[in-house]
Amino acid sequence: MGYPGYIELLVLLAICFFVVWRALARSPVLVLRRFELRSHPQKTETPLVEIVGRNPGIIAFMLTVMGLNDQTTFSINTFEVEY
């Protein structure tokens, strides 16, 4: 049995790259629904920055269309940060 050739090494390298890439890509991803940036809000409770997102995918999209959405909100006002 000889040493592996170039094709085998490329396939092995591609598999290793895919496994590492999938392991690093496990961070949560959200679909952006709303992004608002206000430089001078009228009230102190009004957020300076507000980001609203939902989970990606067709099932989450269909649930959003039906009004059953699970959204994540991140907002910053003059006194606090909310997540």
C-alpha atoms as a PDB file:
ATOM      1  CA  MET A   1       0.000   0.000   0.000  1.00  0.00           C
ATOM      2  CA  GLY A   2       1.534   3.298  -1.095  1.00  0.00           C
ATOM      3  CA  TYR A   3       1.244   6.839   0.004  1.00  0.00           C
ATOM      4  CA  PRO A   4      -1.988   8.705  -0.770  1.00  0.00           C
ATOM      5  CA  GLY A   5      -2.052  10.674  -3.993  1.00  0.00           C
ATOM      6  CA  TYR A   6      -2.947  14.273  -4.605  1.00  0.00           C
ATOM      7  CA  ILE A   7      -6.653  13.548  -5.102  1.00  0.00           C
ATOM      8  CA  GLU A   8      -6.940  11.730  -1.780  1.00  0.00           C
ATOM      9  CA  LEU A   9      -5.110  14.518   0.039  1.00  0.00           C
ATOM     10  CA  LEU A  10      -7.366  17.148  -1.528  1.00  0.00           C
ATOM     11  CA  VAL A  11     -10.484  15.196  -0.515  1.00  0.00           C
ATOM     12  CA  LEU A  12      -9.159  14.781   3.036  1.00  0.00           C
ATOM     13  CA  LEU A  13      -8.278  18.476   3.210  1.00  0.00           C
ATOM     14  CA  ALA A  14     -11.750  19.445   1.948  1.00  0.00           C
ATOM     15  CA  ILE A  15     -13.431  17.241   4.572  1.00  0.00           C
ATOM     16  CA  CYS A  16     -11.286  18.725   7.354  1.00  0.00           C
ATOM     17  CA  PHE A  17     -12.021  22.248   6.138  1.00  0.00           C
ATOM     18  CA  PHE A  18     -15.787  21.518   6.063  1.00  0.00           C
ATOM     19  CA  VAL A  19     -15.779  20.039   9.598  1.00  0.00           C
ATOM     20  CA  VAL A  20     -13.831  22.987  11.051  1.00  0.00           C
ATOM     21  CA  TRP A  21     -15.977  25.512   9.174  1.00  0.00           C
ATOM     22  CA  ARG A  22     -19.204  23.938  10.466  1.00  0.00           C
ATOM     23  CA  ALA A  23     -17.853  23.875  14.020  1.00  0.00           C
ATOM     24  CA  LEU A  24     -16.993  27.572  13.882  1.00  0.00           C
ATOM     25  CA  ALA A  25     -20.262  28.533  12.165  1.00  0.00           C
ATOM     26  CA  ARG A  26     -22.435  27.454  15.105  1.00  0.00           C
ATOM     27  CA  SER A  27     -22.999  31.037  16.235  1.00  0.00           C
ATOM     28  CA  PRO A  28     -26.635  32.129  16.211  1.00  0.00           C
ATOM     29  CA  VAL A  29     -27.822  33.846  13.074  1.00  0.00           C
ATOM     30  CA  LEU A  30     -30.839  36.120  12.882  1.00  0.00           C
ATOM     31  CA  VAL A  31     -32.748  37.530   9.942  1.00  0.00           C
ATOM     32  CA  LEU A  32     -32.891  41.299  10.300  1.00  0.00           C
ATOM     33  CA  ARG A  33     -36.470  42.546  10.537  1.00  0.00           C
ATOM     34  CA  ARG A  34     -35.911  46.103  11.736  1.00  0.00           C
ATOM     35  CA  PHE A  35     -32.933  48.368  12.360  1.00  0.00           C
ATOM     36  CA  GLU A  36     -33.482  51.874  13.697  1.00  0.00           C
ATOM     37  CA  LEU A  37     -30.840  54.403  14.613  1.00  0.00           C
ATOM     38  CA  ARG A  38     -31.879  57.671  16.253  1.00  0.00           C
ATOM     39  CA  SER A  39     -29.340  60.393  16.963  1.00  0.00           C
ATOM     40  CA  HIS A  40     -31.643  62.654  19.018  1.00  0.00           C
ATOM     41  CA  PRO A  41     -34.703  60.841  20.438  1.00  0.00           C
ATOM     42  CA  GLN A  42     -37.547  62.919  21.885  1.00  0.00           C
ATOM     43  CA  LYS A  43     -37.795  60.917  25.144  1.00  0.00           C
ATOM     44  CA  THR A  44     -35.076  59.296  27.249  1.00  0.00           C
ATOM     45  CA  GLU A  45     -36.932  55.934  27.114  1.00  0.00           C
ATOM     46  CA  THR A  46     -36.824  55.908  23.301  1.00  0.00           C
ATOM     47  CA  PRO A  47     -33.988  53.647  22.118  1.00  0.00           C
ATOM     48  CA  LEU A  48     -31.002  55.188  20.374  1.00  0.00           C
ATOM     49  CA  VAL A  49     -30.374  51.893  18.580  1.00  0.00           C
ATOM     50  CA  GLU A  50     -32.974  49.162  18.076  1.00  0.00           C
ATOM     51  CA  ILE A  51     -32.327  45.906  16.229  1.00  0.00           C
ATOM     52  CA  VAL A  52     -35.077  43.301  15.800  1.00  0.00           C
ATOM     53  CA  GLY A  53     -34.476  39.886  14.244  1.00  0.00           C
ATOM     54  CA  ARG A  54     -35.979  36.413  13.910  1.00  0.00           C
ATOM     55  CA  ASN A  55     -34.625  32.918  13.379  1.00  0.00           C
ATOM     56  CA  PRO A  56     -33.696  32.014   9.786  1.00  0.00           C
ATOM     57  CA  GLY A  57     -35.444  29.378   7.710  1.00  0.00           C
ATOM     58  CA  ILE A  58     -38.687  28.663   5.929  1.00  0.00           C
ATOM     59  CA  ILE A  59     -40.490  27.407   9.047  1.00  0.00           C
ATOM     60  CA  ALA A  60     -39.682  30.587  10.983  1.00  0.00           C
ATOM     61  CA  PHE A  61     -40.778  32.625   7.966  1.00  0.00           C
ATOM     62  CA  MET A  62     -44.120  30.792   7.748  1.00  0.00           C
ATOM     63  CA  LEU A  63     -44.677  31.255  11.491  1.00  0.00           C
ATOM     64  CA  THR A  64     -43.957  34.970  11.086  1.00  0.00           C
ATOM     65  CA  VAL A  65     -46.474  35.200   8.242  1.00  0.00           C
ATOM     66  CA  MET A  66     -49.075  33.520  10.476  1.00  0.00           C
ATOM     67  CA  GLY A  67     -48.261  35.941  13.311  1.00  0.00           C
ATOM     68  CA  LEU A  68     -46.497  33.371  15.523  1.00  0.00           C
ATOM     69  CA  ASN A  69     -43.004  34.779  15.539  1.00  0.00           C
ATOM     70  CA  ASP A  70     -40.230  34.520  18.075  1.00  0.00           C
ATOM     71  CA  GLN A  71     -38.222  37.676  17.678  1.00  0.00           C
ATOM     72  CA  THR A  72     -35.086  38.879  19.377  1.00  0.00           C
ATOM     73  CA  THR A  73     -34.760  42.558  20.240  1.00  0.00           C
ATOM     74  CA  PHE A  74     -31.584  44.460  21.100  1.00  0.00           C
ATOM     75  CA  SER A  75     -31.986  48.081  22.121  1.00  0.00           C
ATOM     76  CA  ILE A  76     -29.816  50.786  23.635  1.00  0.00           C
ATOM     77  CA  ASN A  77     -31.221  53.924  25.242  1.00  0.00           C
ATOM     78  CA  THR A  78     -29.475  56.632  27.223  1.00  0.00           C
ATOM     79  CA  PHE A  79     -29.510  54.643  30.478  1.00  0.00           C
ATOM     80  CA  GLU A  80     -29.453  50.913  29.650  1.00  0.00           C
ATOM     81  CA  VAL A  81     -28.846  48.121  27.169  1.00  0.00           C
ATOM     82  CA  GLU A  82     -31.614  45.542  26.697  1.00  0.00           C
ATOM     83  CA  TYR A  83     -31.412  42.162  25.004  1.00  0.00           C
END
